[in-house]
PDB file of N, CA and C in Angstrom:
ATOM      1  N   UNK A   1       6.691  42.997  -1.940  1.00  0.00           N
ATOM      2  CA  UNK A   1       6.107  44.227  -1.705  1.00  0.00           C
ATOM      3  C   UNK A   1       4.960  44.571  -2.980  1.00  0.00           C
ATOM      4  N   UNK A   2       3.859  44.100  -2.508  1.00  0.00           N
ATOM      5  CA  UNK A   2       2.327  44.509  -3.513  1.00  0.00           C
ATOM      6  C   UNK A   2       1.966  45.749  -3.236  1.00  0.00           C
ATOM      7  N   UNK A   3       1.060  46.301  -4.044  1.00  0.00           N
ATOM      8  CA  UNK A   3       0.685  47.796  -3.404  1.00  0.00           C
ATOM      9  C   UNK A   3       0.019  48.165  -2.201  1.00  0.00           C
ATOM     10  N   UNK A   4      -0.773  47.250  -1.906  1.00  0.00           N
ATOM     11  CA  UNK A   4      -1.244  47.424  -0.679  1.00  0.00           C
ATOM     12  C   UNK A   4      -0.225  47.806   0.882  1.00  0.00           C
ATOM     13  N   UNK A   5       0.608  47.031   0.602  1.00  0.00           N
ATOM     14  CA  UNK A   5       1.817  46.995   1.421  1.00  0.00           C
ATOM     15  C   UNK A   5       2.678  48.407   1.424  1.00  0.00           C
ATOM     16  N   UNK A   6       2.714  47.947  -0.173  1.00  0.00           N
ATOM     17  CA  UNK A   6       3.374  49.851  -0.353  1.00  0.00           C
ATOM     18  C   UNK A   6       2.430  50.732   0.222  1.00  0.00           C
ATOM     19  N   UNK A   7       1.646  51.096  -0.336  1.00  0.00           N
ATOM     20  CA  UNK A   7       0.650  52.278   0.320  1.00  0.00           C
ATOM     21  C   UNK A   7       0.793  51.713   1.443  1.00  0.00           C
ATOM     22  N   UNK A   8       0.544  51.011   2.745  1.00  0.00           N
ATOM     23  CA  UNK A   8       0.067  50.852   4.373  1.00  0.00           C
ATOM     24  C   UNK A   8       2.003  51.263   4.916  1.00  0.00           C
ATOM     25  N   UNK A   9       2.888  50.823   4.026  1.00  0.00           N
ATOM     26  CA  UNK A   9       3.900  51.472   4.903  1.00  0.00           C
ATOM     27  C   UNK A   9       4.299  53.130   4.526  1.00  0.00           C
ATOM     28  N   UNK A  10       3.579  53.569   3.377  1.00  0.00           N
ATOM     29  CA  UNK A  10       3.603  55.177   3.126  1.00  0.00           C
ATOM     30  C   UNK A  10       2.864  55.923   4.007  1.00  0.00           C
ATOM     31  N   UNK A  11       2.066  55.232   4.313  1.00  0.00           N
ATOM     32  CA  UNK A  11       0.635  56.149   4.823  1.00  0.00           C
ATOM     33  C   UNK A  11       0.906  56.070   6.586  1.00  0.00           C
ATOM     34  N   UNK A  12       1.959  54.748   6.722  1.00  0.00           N
ATOM     35  CA  UNK A  12       2.050  54.889   8.307  1.00  0.00           C
ATOM     36  C   UNK A  12       3.201  55.921   8.843  1.00  0.00           C
ATOM     37  N   UNK A  13       4.056  56.749   7.773  1.00  0.00           N
ATOM     38  CA  UNK A  13       4.520  57.708   8.212  1.00  0.00           C
ATOM     39  C   UNK A  13       3.784  58.999   9.058  1.00  0.00           C
ATOM     40  N   UNK A  14       4.190  59.570   9.509  1.00  0.00           N
ATOM     41  CA  UNK A  14       3.948  61.221  10.697  1.00  0.00           C
ATOM     42  C   UNK A  14       2.931  61.909   9.617  1.00  0.00           C
ATOM     43  N   UNK A  15       1.618  61.878   9.488  1.00  0.00           N
ATOM     44  CA  UNK A  15       1.530  63.221   8.277  1.00  0.00           C
ATOM     45  C   UNK A  15       0.983  62.883   7.167  1.00  0.00           C
ATOM     46  N   UNK A  16       1.458  61.406   6.310  1.00  0.00           N
ATOM     47  CA  UNK A  16       1.062  61.218   5.088  1.00  0.00           C
ATOM     48  C   UNK A  16      -0.311  61.302   4.648  1.00  0.00           C
ATOM     49  N   UNK A  17      -0.634  62.188   3.727  1.00  0.00           N
ATOM     50  CA  UNK A  17      -1.434  61.736   2.908  1.00  0.00           C
ATOM     51  C   UNK A  17      -1.464  61.444   1.439  1.00  0.00           C
ATOM     52  N   UNK A  18      -2.684  61.509   0.955  1.00  0.00           N
ATOM     53  CA  UNK A  18      -2.164  61.487  -0.393  1.00  0.00           C
ATOM     54  C   UNK A  18      -3.435  61.674  -1.137  1.00  0.00           C
ATOM     55  N   UNK A  19      -3.223  61.608  -2.819  1.00  0.00           N
ATOM     56  CA  UNK A  19      -4.630  62.804  -3.739  1.00  0.00           C
ATOM     57  C   UNK A  19      -3.907  61.949  -4.894  1.00  0.00           C
ATOM     58  N   UNK A  20      -4.811  62.394  -5.533  1.00  0.00           N
ATOM     59  CA  UNK A  20      -4.821  62.004  -7.251  1.00  0.00           C
ATOM     60  C   UNK A  20      -4.762  63.005  -7.950  1.00  0.00           C
ATOM     61  N   UNK A  21      -3.405  64.377  -8.733  1.00  0.00           N
ATOM     62  CA  UNK A  21      -3.611  65.126  -8.919  1.00  0.00           C
ATOM     63  C   UNK A  21      -3.597  65.404 -10.414  1.00  0.00           C
ATOM     64  N   UNK A  22      -3.229  64.219 -10.334  1.00  0.00           N
ATOM     65  CA  UNK A  22      -2.347  64.147 -12.375  1.00  0.00           C
ATOM     66  C   UNK A  22      -3.844  63.273 -12.859  1.00  0.00           C
ATOM     67  N   UNK A  23      -3.684  62.546 -12.246  1.00  0.00           N
ATOM     68  CA  UNK A  23      -4.857  61.273 -13.148  1.00  0.00           C
ATOM     69  C   UNK A  23      -5.783  60.449 -12.053  1.00  0.00           C
ATOM     70  N   UNK A  24      -6.614  59.836 -12.311  1.00  0.00           N
ATOM     71  CA  UNK A  24      -7.381  58.666 -11.571  1.00  0.00           C
ATOM     72  C   UNK A  24      -6.501  57.342 -11.368  1.00  0.00           C
ATOM     73  N   UNK A  25      -5.393  57.628 -11.860  1.00  0.00           N
ATOM     74  CA  UNK A  25      -4.579  56.446 -11.219  1.00  0.00           C
ATOM     75  C   UNK A  25      -3.027  56.593 -10.639  1.00  0.00           C
ATOM     76  N   UNK A  26      -2.288  57.638 -10.780  1.00  0.00           N
ATOM     77  CA  UNK A  26      -1.169  58.235 -10.433  1.00  0.00           C
ATOM     78  C   UNK A  26      -1.174  58.796  -8.484  1.00  0.00           C
ATOM     79  N   UNK A  27      -1.089  57.975  -7.271  1.00  0.00           N
ATOM     80  CA  UNK A  27      -1.558  58.581  -6.043  1.00  0.00           C
ATOM     81  C   UNK A  27      -0.467  58.999  -5.654  1.00  0.00           C
ATOM     82  N   UNK A  28      -0.450  60.627  -5.460  1.00  0.00           N
ATOM     83  CA  UNK A  28       0.641  61.441  -4.696  1.00  0.00           C
ATOM     84  C   UNK A  28       0.641  61.722  -3.211  1.00  0.00           C
ATOM     85  N   UNK A  29       1.877  60.683  -2.461  1.00  0.00           N
ATOM     86  CA  UNK A  29       1.950  61.243  -1.240  1.00  0.00           C
ATOM     87  C   UNK A  29       2.425  62.346  -0.830  1.00  0.00           C
ATOM     88  N   UNK A  30       2.150  62.738   0.212  1.00  0.00           N
ATOM     89  CA  UNK A  30       2.985  64.152   0.085  1.00  0.00           C
ATOM     90  C   UNK A  30       2.649  64.108   2.010  1.00  0.00           C
ATOM     91  N   UNK A  31       3.647  65.007   2.432  1.00  0.00           N
ATOM     92  CA  UNK A  31       3.440  65.641   3.930  1.00  0.00           C
ATOM     93  C   UNK A  31       3.356  67.190   3.946  1.00  0.00           C
ATOM     94  N   UNK A  32       2.505  67.909   4.516  1.00  0.00           N
ATOM     95  CA  UNK A  32       2.622  69.406   4.250  1.00  0.00           C
ATOM     96  C   UNK A  32       2.810  69.782   3.078  1.00  0.00           C
ATOM     97  N   UNK A  33       1.575  68.821   2.607  1.00  0.00           N
ATOM     98  CA  UNK A  33       1.254  69.008   0.693  1.00  0.00           C
ATOM     99  C   UNK A  33       2.613  68.812  -0.041  1.00  0.00           C
ATOM    100  N   UNK A  34       4.109  68.756   0.586  1.00  0.00           N
ATOM    101  CA  UNK A  34       4.496  68.968  -0.473  1.00  0.00           C
ATOM    102  C   UNK A  34       5.435  67.017  -0.737  1.00  0.00           C
ATOM    103  N   UNK A  35       5.351  66.306  -2.345  1.00  0.00           N
ATOM    104  CA  UNK A  35       5.721  65.373  -2.519  1.00  0.00           C
ATOM    105  C   UNK A  35       6.636  64.230  -1.943  1.00  0.00           C
ATOM    106  N   UNK A  36       6.477  63.255  -1.437  1.00  0.00           N
ATOM    107  CA  UNK A  36       7.905  62.837  -1.252  1.00  0.00           C
ATOM    108  C   UNK A  36       7.940  61.335  -1.571  1.00  0.00           C
ATOM    109  N   UNK A  37       6.180  61.032  -2.743  1.00  0.00           N
ATOM    110  CA  UNK A  37       6.790  59.584  -3.278  1.00  0.00           C
ATOM    111  C   UNK A  37       5.093  59.797  -4.021  1.00  0.00           C
ATOM    112  N   UNK A  38       5.393  58.671  -5.427  1.00  0.00           N
ATOM    113  CA  UNK A  38       4.386  58.397  -6.336  1.00  0.00           C
ATOM    114  C   UNK A  38       4.295  57.143  -7.105  1.00  0.00           C
ATOM    115  N   UNK A  39       3.270  56.705  -7.095  1.00  0.00           N
ATOM    116  CA  UNK A  39       3.382  55.324  -7.273  1.00  0.00           C
ATOM    117  C   UNK A  39       1.209  54.982  -8.131  1.00  0.00           C
ATOM    118  N   UNK A  40       1.064  53.596  -8.841  1.00  0.00           N
ATOM    119  CA  UNK A  40       0.056  53.341  -8.664  1.00  0.00           C
ATOM    120  C   UNK A  40      -0.375  52.118  -9.142  1.00  0.00           C
ATOM    121  N   UNK A  41      -1.242  51.134  -8.930  1.00  0.00           N
ATOM    122  CA  UNK A  41      -1.509  50.474  -8.182  1.00  0.00           C
ATOM    123  C   UNK A  41      -1.522  49.537 -10.099  1.00  0.00           C
ATOM    124  N   UNK A  42      -0.648  49.457 -10.813  1.00  0.00           N
ATOM    125  CA  UNK A  42      -0.328  48.475 -11.867  1.00  0.00           C
ATOM    126  C   UNK A  42       1.222  47.692 -11.702  1.00  0.00           C
ATOM    127  N   UNK A  43       0.897  47.098 -12.720  1.00  0.00           N
ATOM    128  CA  UNK A  43       2.179  45.810 -13.232  1.00  0.00           C
ATOM    129  C   UNK A  43       2.955  46.357 -14.361  1.00  0.00           C
ATOM    130  N   UNK A  44       4.481  46.528 -13.989  1.00  0.00           N
ATOM    131  CA  UNK A  44       5.274  46.294 -13.134  1.00  0.00           C
ATOM    132  C   UNK A  44       5.017  47.882 -11.939  1.00  0.00           C
ATOM    133  N   UNK A  45       4.931  47.030 -10.892  1.00  0.00           N
ATOM    134  CA  UNK A  45       4.499  48.252  -9.879  1.00  0.00           C
ATOM    135  C   UNK A  45       5.696  49.049  -9.445  1.00  0.00           C
ATOM    136  N   UNK A  46       5.776  50.261  -9.331  1.00  0.00           N
ATOM    137  CA  UNK A  46       6.941  50.797  -9.379  1.00  0.00           C
ATOM    138  C   UNK A  46       6.342  51.998  -8.123  1.00  0.00           C
ATOM    139  N   UNK A  47       7.541  53.124  -7.651  1.00  0.00           N
ATOM    140  CA  UNK A  47       7.618  53.808  -6.691  1.00  0.00           C
ATOM    141  C   UNK A  47       8.413  55.049  -7.437  1.00  0.00           C
ATOM    142  N   UNK A  48       7.627  56.559  -6.938  1.00  0.00           N
ATOM    143  CA  UNK A  48       9.214  57.123  -7.344  1.00  0.00           C
ATOM    144  C   UNK A  48       9.499  57.862  -6.096  1.00  0.00           C
ATOM    145  N   UNK A  49      10.420  58.125  -5.980  1.00  0.00           N
ATOM    146  CA  UNK A  49      11.193  58.682  -4.717  1.00  0.00           C
ATOM    147  C   UNK A  49      11.537  59.354  -4.712  1.00  0.00           C
ATOM    148  N   UNK A  50      11.996  60.270  -3.671  1.00  0.00           N
ATOM    149  CA  UNK A  50      12.774  61.593  -3.668  1.00  0.00           C
ATOM    150  C   UNK A  50      14.032  60.757  -3.136  1.00  0.00           C
ATOM    151  N   UNK A  51      14.937  61.953  -3.917  1.00  0.00           N
ATOM    152  CA  UNK A  51      16.486  60.984  -2.831  1.00  0.00           C
ATOM    153  C   UNK A  51      17.876  62.153  -3.037  1.00  0.00           C
ATOM    154  N   UNK A  52      18.724  62.127  -2.277  1.00  0.00           N
ATOM    155  CA  UNK A  52      19.842  62.810  -2.200  1.00  0.00           C
ATOM    156  C   UNK A  52      20.228  62.879  -3.901  1.00  0.00           C
ATOM    157  N   UNK A  53      20.925  63.600  -4.447  1.00  0.00           N
ATOM    158  CA  UNK A  53      21.335  63.370  -5.209  1.00  0.00           C
ATOM    159  C   UNK A  53      22.653  62.633  -5.810  1.00  0.00           C
ATOM    160  N   UNK A  54      23.352  62.689  -4.493  1.00  0.00           N
ATOM    161  CA  UNK A  54      24.685  61.919  -5.099  1.00  0.00           C
ATOM    162  C   UNK A  54      24.307  59.984  -4.360  1.00  0.00           C
ATOM    163  N   UNK A  55      23.628  60.059  -3.627  1.00  0.00           N
ATOM    164  CA  UNK A  55      22.342  58.625  -3.091  1.00  0.00           C
ATOM    165  C   UNK A  55      22.303  58.249  -4.230  1.00  0.00           C
ATOM    166  N   UNK A  56      21.412  59.150  -4.726  1.00  0.00           N
ATOM    167  CA  UNK A  56      20.335  58.384  -5.806  1.00  0.00           C
ATOM    168  C   UNK A  56      21.412  57.760  -7.171  1.00  0.00           C
ATOM    169  N   UNK A  57      21.933  58.620  -7.427  1.00  0.00           N
ATOM    170  CA  UNK A  57      23.123  57.862  -8.531  1.00  0.00           C
ATOM    171  C   UNK A  57      23.875  56.601  -8.065  1.00  0.00           C
ATOM    172  N   UNK A  58      24.584  56.442  -6.887  1.00  0.00           N
ATOM    173  CA  UNK A  58      24.913  55.205  -6.440  1.00  0.00           C
ATOM    174  C   UNK A  58      23.500  54.009  -6.042  1.00  0.00           C
ATOM    175  N   UNK A  59      22.878  54.917  -6.117  1.00  0.00           N
ATOM    176  CA  UNK A  59      21.904  53.327  -6.102  1.00  0.00           C
ATOM    177  C   UNK A  59      21.370  52.987  -7.586  1.00  0.00           C
ATOM    178  N   UNK A  60      21.285  53.840  -8.325  1.00  0.00           N
ATOM    179  CA  UNK A  60      21.207  53.590  -9.424  1.00  0.00           C
ATOM    180  C   UNK A  60      22.576  52.724 -10.390  1.00  0.00           C
ATOM    181  N   UNK A  61      23.749  52.961  -9.728  1.00  0.00           N
ATOM    182  CA  UNK A  61      24.820  52.224 -10.541  1.00  0.00           C
ATOM    183  C   UNK A  61      24.839  50.779  -9.721  1.00  0.00           C
ATOM    184  N   UNK A  62      23.880  50.258  -8.403  1.00  0.00           N
ATOM    185  CA  UNK A  62      23.910  49.225  -7.432  1.00  0.00           C
ATOM    186  C   UNK A  62      23.013  48.390  -7.950  1.00  0.00           C
ATOM    187  N   UNK A  63      21.742  49.164  -8.101  1.00  0.00           N
ATOM    188  CA  UNK A  63      20.375  48.098  -8.510  1.00  0.00           C
ATOM    189  C   UNK A  63      19.930  48.391  -9.901  1.00  0.00           C
ATOM    190  N   UNK A  64      19.447  47.353 -10.775  1.00  0.00           N
ATOM    191  CA  UNK A  64      19.134  47.536 -12.024  1.00  0.00           C
ATOM    192  C   UNK A  64      17.304  48.249 -12.294  1.00  0.00           C
ATOM    193  N   UNK A  65      16.931  47.844 -10.390  1.00  0.00           N
ATOM    194  CA  UNK A  65      15.611  48.517 -10.540  1.00  0.00           C
ATOM    195  C   UNK A  65      15.427  49.794 -10.015  1.00  0.00           C
ATOM    196  N   UNK A  66      16.506  50.312  -9.977  1.00  0.00           N
ATOM    197  CA  UNK A  66      16.416  52.055  -9.726  1.00  0.00           C
ATOM    198  C   UNK A  66      17.375  52.590 -10.553  1.00  0.00           C
ATOM    199  N   UNK A  67      16.009  53.783 -11.177  1.00  0.00           N
ATOM    200  CA  UNK A  67      16.830  54.356 -12.381  1.00  0.00           C
ATOM    201  C   UNK A  67      15.862  55.954 -11.914  1.00  0.00           C
ATOM    202  N   UNK A  68      17.137  56.931 -12.995  1.00  0.00           N
ATOM    203  CA  UNK A  68      16.155  57.755 -12.608  1.00  0.00           C
ATOM    204  C   UNK A  68      14.699  58.270 -12.591  1.00  0.00           C
ATOM    205  N   UNK A  69      14.435  59.322 -12.068  1.00  0.00           N
ATOM    206  CA  UNK A  69      12.742  59.252 -11.900  1.00  0.00           C
ATOM    207  C   UNK A  69      11.787  60.023 -13.064  1.00  0.00           C
ATOM    208  N   UNK A  70      10.369  58.701 -13.689  1.00  0.00           N
ATOM    209  CA  UNK A  70      10.231  59.097 -14.708  1.00  0.00           C
ATOM    210  C   UNK A  70       9.136  60.133 -14.550  1.00  0.00           C
ATOM    211  N   UNK A  71       9.276  61.169 -15.147  1.00  0.00           N
ATOM    212  CA  UNK A  71       8.967  62.617 -15.176  1.00  0.00           C
ATOM    213  C   UNK A  71       8.883  62.755 -14.071  1.00  0.00           C
ATOM    214  N   UNK A  72      10.142  63.100 -13.709  1.00  0.00           N
ATOM    215  CA  UNK A  72      10.409  63.468 -12.307  1.00  0.00           C
ATOM    216  C   UNK A  72      11.477  64.499 -12.828  1.00  0.00           C
ATOM    217  N   UNK A  73      12.370  65.073 -11.863  1.00  0.00           N
ATOM    218  CA  UNK A  73      13.559  65.879 -12.260  1.00  0.00           C
ATOM    219  C   UNK A  73      14.508  64.947 -11.627  1.00  0.00           C
ATOM    220  N   UNK A  74      15.625  64.346 -12.781  1.00  0.00           N
ATOM    221  CA  UNK A  74      15.920  63.403 -12.234  1.00  0.00           C
ATOM    222  C   UNK A  74      17.294  63.489 -11.605  1.00  0.00           C
ATOM    223  N   UNK A  75      17.483  64.636 -11.373  1.00  0.00           N
ATOM    224  CA  UNK A  75      18.940  64.761 -10.196  1.00  0.00           C
ATOM    225  C   UNK A  75      18.110  64.538  -8.914  1.00  0.00           C
ATOM    226  N   UNK A  76      16.802  65.153  -8.687  1.00  0.00           N
ATOM    227  CA  UNK A  76      16.109  64.485  -7.281  1.00  0.00           C
ATOM    228  C   UNK A  76      15.578  63.235  -6.976  1.00  0.00           C
ATOM    229  N   UNK A  77      15.336  62.352  -8.008  1.00  0.00           N
ATOM    230  CA  UNK A  77      14.100  61.569  -7.572  1.00  0.00           C
ATOM    231  C   UNK A  77      14.385  60.171  -8.911  1.00  0.00           C
ATOM    232  N   UNK A  78      14.240  59.550  -8.149  1.00  0.00           N
ATOM    233  CA  UNK A  78      14.395  58.326  -8.447  1.00  0.00           C
ATOM    234  C   UNK A  78      13.033  56.886  -9.057  1.00  0.00           C
ATOM    235  N   UNK A  79      12.809  56.235 -10.038  1.00  0.00           N
ATOM    236  CA  UNK A  79      12.284  55.278  -9.876  1.00  0.00           C
ATOM    237  C   UNK A  79      12.394  53.975  -9.265  1.00  0.00           C
ATOM    238  N   UNK A  80      11.467  53.441  -8.516  1.00  0.00           N
ATOM    239  CA  UNK A  80      12.306  52.389  -7.766  1.00  0.00           C
ATOM    240  C   UNK A  80      10.701  50.901  -8.180  1.00  0.00           C
ATOM    241  N   UNK A  81      11.604  50.179  -8.967  1.00  0.00           N
ATOM    242  CA  UNK A  81      11.282  49.055  -9.513  1.00  0.00           C
ATOM    243  C   UNK A  81      10.515  48.064  -8.868  1.00  0.00           C
ATOM    244  N   UNK A  82       9.488  47.772  -8.116  1.00  0.00           N
ATOM    245  CA  UNK A  82       9.584  46.728  -6.666  1.00  0.00           C
ATOM    246  C   UNK A  82       8.886  45.124  -7.489  1.00  0.00           C
ATOM    247  N   UNK A  83       8.691  45.173  -8.941  1.00  0.00           N
ATOM    248  CA  UNK A  83       7.878  44.139  -9.403  1.00  0.00           C
ATOM    249  C   UNK A  83       9.174  43.382  -9.944  1.00  0.00           C
ATOM    250  N   UNK A  84       9.654  41.398  -9.395  1.00  0.00           N
ATOM    251  CA  UNK A  84      10.759  41.294  -9.565  1.00  0.00           C
ATOM    252  C   UNK A  84      11.692  41.671 -10.181  1.00  0.00           C
ATOM    253  N   UNK A  85      11.970  42.658  -9.341  1.00  0.00           N
ATOM    254  CA  UNK A  85      13.257  43.524  -8.874  1.00  0.00           C
ATOM    255  C   UNK A  85      14.857  43.260  -7.968  1.00  0.00           C
ATOM    256  N   UNK A  86      15.422  43.335  -8.421  1.00  0.00           N
ATOM    257  CA  UNK A  86      16.729  43.489  -7.638  1.00  0.00           C
ATOM    258  C   UNK A  86      16.956  43.506  -6.314  1.00  0.00           C
ATOM    259  N   UNK A  87      15.551  45.065  -5.636  1.00  0.00           N
ATOM    260  CA  UNK A  87      15.716  45.574  -4.907  1.00  0.00           C
ATOM    261  C   UNK A  87      15.226  44.675  -3.919  1.00  0.00           C
ATOM    262  N   UNK A  88      15.633  44.581  -2.377  1.00  0.00           N
ATOM    263  CA  UNK A  88      14.358  44.199  -1.508  1.00  0.00           C
ATOM    264  C   UNK A  88      13.125  44.971  -1.064  1.00  0.00           C
ATOM    265  N   UNK A  89      12.280  44.542  -0.572  1.00  0.00           N
ATOM    266  CA  UNK A  89      11.245  45.041   0.397  1.00  0.00           C
ATOM    267  C   UNK A  89      11.760  46.112   1.741  1.00  0.00           C
ATOM    268  N   UNK A  90      13.002  45.306   2.149  1.00  0.00           N
ATOM    269  CA  UNK A  90      13.623  46.428   2.978  1.00  0.00           C
ATOM    270  C   UNK A  90      14.639  47.573   2.819  1.00  0.00           C
ATOM    271  N   UNK A  91      14.360  47.280   1.662  1.00  0.00           N
ATOM    272  CA  UNK A  91      15.738  48.126   0.645  1.00  0.00           C
ATOM    273  C   UNK A  91      14.864  49.581   0.224  1.00  0.00           C
ATOM    274  N   UNK A  92      13.746  48.679   0.052  1.00  0.00           N
ATOM    275  CA  UNK A  92      12.464  49.769  -0.666  1.00  0.00           C
ATOM    276  C   UNK A  92      12.338  51.126   0.408  1.00  0.00           C
ATOM    277  N   UNK A  93      11.883  49.776   1.745  1.00  0.00           N
ATOM    278  CA  UNK A  93      10.968  50.891   3.128  1.00  0.00           C
ATOM    279  C   UNK A  93      12.368  51.925   3.755  1.00  0.00           C
ATOM    280  N   UNK A  94      13.710  52.166   3.176  1.00  0.00           N
ATOM    281  CA  UNK A  94      14.793  52.399   3.743  1.00  0.00           C
ATOM    282  C   UNK A  94      14.526  53.830   2.562  1.00  0.00           C
ATOM    283  N   UNK A  95      14.283  53.598   1.266  1.00  0.00           N
ATOM    284  CA  UNK A  95      14.484  54.888   0.340  1.00  0.00           C
ATOM    285  C   UNK A  95      13.168  55.383   0.977  1.00  0.00           C
ATOM    286  N   UNK A  96      11.733  54.598   0.899  1.00  0.00           N
ATOM    287  CA  UNK A  96      10.799  55.451   1.354  1.00  0.00           C
ATOM    288  C   UNK A  96      11.061  56.837   2.417  1.00  0.00           C
ATOM    289  N   UNK A  97      11.653  55.742   3.785  1.00  0.00           N
ATOM    290  CA  UNK A  97      11.977  57.193   4.518  1.00  0.00           C
ATOM    291  C   UNK A  97      12.817  57.780   4.099  1.00  0.00           C
ATOM    292  N   UNK A  98      13.665  57.327   3.549  1.00  0.00           N
ATOM    293  CA  UNK A  98      14.756  58.581   3.175  1.00  0.00           C
ATOM    294  C   UNK A  98      14.172  59.595   2.355  1.00  0.00           C
ATOM    295  N   UNK A  99      13.852  59.364   1.655  1.00  0.00           N
ATOM    296  CA  UNK A  99      12.699  60.514   0.771  1.00  0.00           C
ATOM    297  C   UNK A  99      11.495  61.179   1.492  1.00  0.00           C
ATOM    298  N   UNK A 100      11.127  60.482   2.623  1.00  0.00           N
ATOM    299  CA  UNK A 100       9.934  61.234   3.555  1.00  0.00           C
ATOM    300  C   UNK A 100      11.275  62.179   4.640  1.00  0.00           C
ATOM    301  N   UNK A 101      12.308  61.575   5.162  1.00  0.00           N
ATOM    302  CA  UNK A 101      12.679  62.576   6.112  1.00  0.00           C
ATOM    303  C   UNK A 101      13.802  63.574   5.048  1.00  0.00           C
ATOM    304  N   UNK A 102      13.929  63.284   3.905  1.00  0.00           N
ATOM    305  CA  UNK A 102      14.474  64.511   2.592  1.00  0.00           C
ATOM    306  C   UNK A 102      13.114  65.592   3.032  1.00  0.00           C
ATOM    307  N   UNK A 103      11.937  65.442   2.319  1.00  0.00           N
ATOM    308  CA  UNK A 103      10.883  66.193   2.605  1.00  0.00           C
ATOM    309  C   UNK A 103      10.682  66.940   4.244  1.00  0.00           C
ATOM    310  N   UNK A 104      10.575  66.331   5.240  1.00  0.00           N
ATOM    311  CA  UNK A 104      10.291  66.690   6.364  1.00  0.00           C
ATOM    312  C   UNK A 104      11.432  67.766   7.041  1.00  0.00           C
ATOM    313  N   UNK A 105      12.829  67.374   6.533  1.00  0.00           N
ATOM    314  CA  UNK A 105      13.362  68.068   7.069  1.00  0.00           C
ATOM    315  C   UNK A 105      14.025  69.986   6.276  1.00  0.00           C
ATOM    316  N   UNK A 106      13.108  69.822   5.337  1.00  0.00           N
ATOM    317  CA  UNK A 106      13.219  71.195   4.252  1.00  0.00           C
ATOM    318  C   UNK A 106      11.323  71.510   5.137  1.00  0.00           C
ATOM    319  N   UNK A 107      10.481  71.190   6.122  1.00  0.00           N
ATOM    320  CA  UNK A 107       9.668  72.319   5.677  1.00  0.00           C
ATOM    321  C   UNK A 107       9.759  72.865   6.738  1.00  0.00           C
ATOM    322  N   UNK A 108       9.299  73.608   7.437  1.00  0.00           N
ATOM    323  CA  UNK A 108       9.279  75.027   8.399  1.00  0.00           C
ATOM    324  C   UNK A 108       8.534  74.769   9.520  1.00  0.00           C
ATOM    325  N   UNK A 109       9.522  75.111  10.390  1.00  0.00           N
ATOM    326  CA  UNK A 109       9.304  74.662  12.361  1.00  0.00           C
ATOM    327  C   UNK A 109       8.092  74.215  12.849  1.00  0.00           C
ATOM    328  N   UNK A 110       7.050  75.488  11.596  1.00  0.00           N
ATOM    329  CA  UNK A 110       5.312  75.412  11.937  1.00  0.00           C
ATOM    330  C   UNK A 110       4.710  73.942  11.466  1.00  0.00           C
ATOM    331  N   UNK A 111       5.383  74.198  10.340  1.00  0.00           N
ATOM    332  CA  UNK A 111       4.996  72.729   9.353  1.00  0.00           C
ATOM    333  C   UNK A 111       5.654  71.710  10.881  1.00  0.00           C
ATOM    334  N   UNK A 112       6.304  71.418  10.996  1.00  0.00           N
ATOM    335  CA  UNK A 112       7.185  70.430  11.233  1.00  0.00           C
ATOM    336  C   UNK A 112       5.979  70.229  13.443  1.00  0.00           C
ATOM    337  N   UNK A 113       5.773  70.944  13.396  1.00  0.00           N
ATOM    338  CA  UNK A 113       5.367  71.145  15.104  1.00  0.00           C
ATOM    339  C   UNK A 113       3.744  71.010  14.549  1.00  0.00           C
ATOM    340  N   UNK A 114       2.835  71.333  13.479  1.00  0.00           N
ATOM    341  CA  UNK A 114       1.671  70.565  13.325  1.00  0.00           C
ATOM    342  C   UNK A 114       1.289  69.253  13.069  1.00  0.00           C
ATOM    343  N   UNK A 115       2.870  68.775  12.757  1.00  0.00           N
ATOM    344  CA  UNK A 115       2.467  67.572  12.410  1.00  0.00           C
ATOM    345  C   UNK A 115       2.552  66.212  13.669  1.00  0.00           C
TER     346      UNK A 115
END
């Protein structure tokens, strides 16, 4: 998966938007102003994704390409390496879905209805 494919998949999520709050490189994806993914168009291609804490530990033990979130809360975020990684594209999509659903489930009823 390359940056364009990653970006297209993340933005296919209902209500997903992005901005650059930190600098001109790091693209932050949000749903109702809440972050669910961060990435940059760099090599190696990596994406930070929100994750259930127990599932996050499990993923880190299975994949070399999944580690505690870089510059993020290590309990709730993973950094997933896509370049030359042992994690396949379908699994990356599942982790994006998981991150999105975690954040979506925490939105208020009004926020969910607006999407």
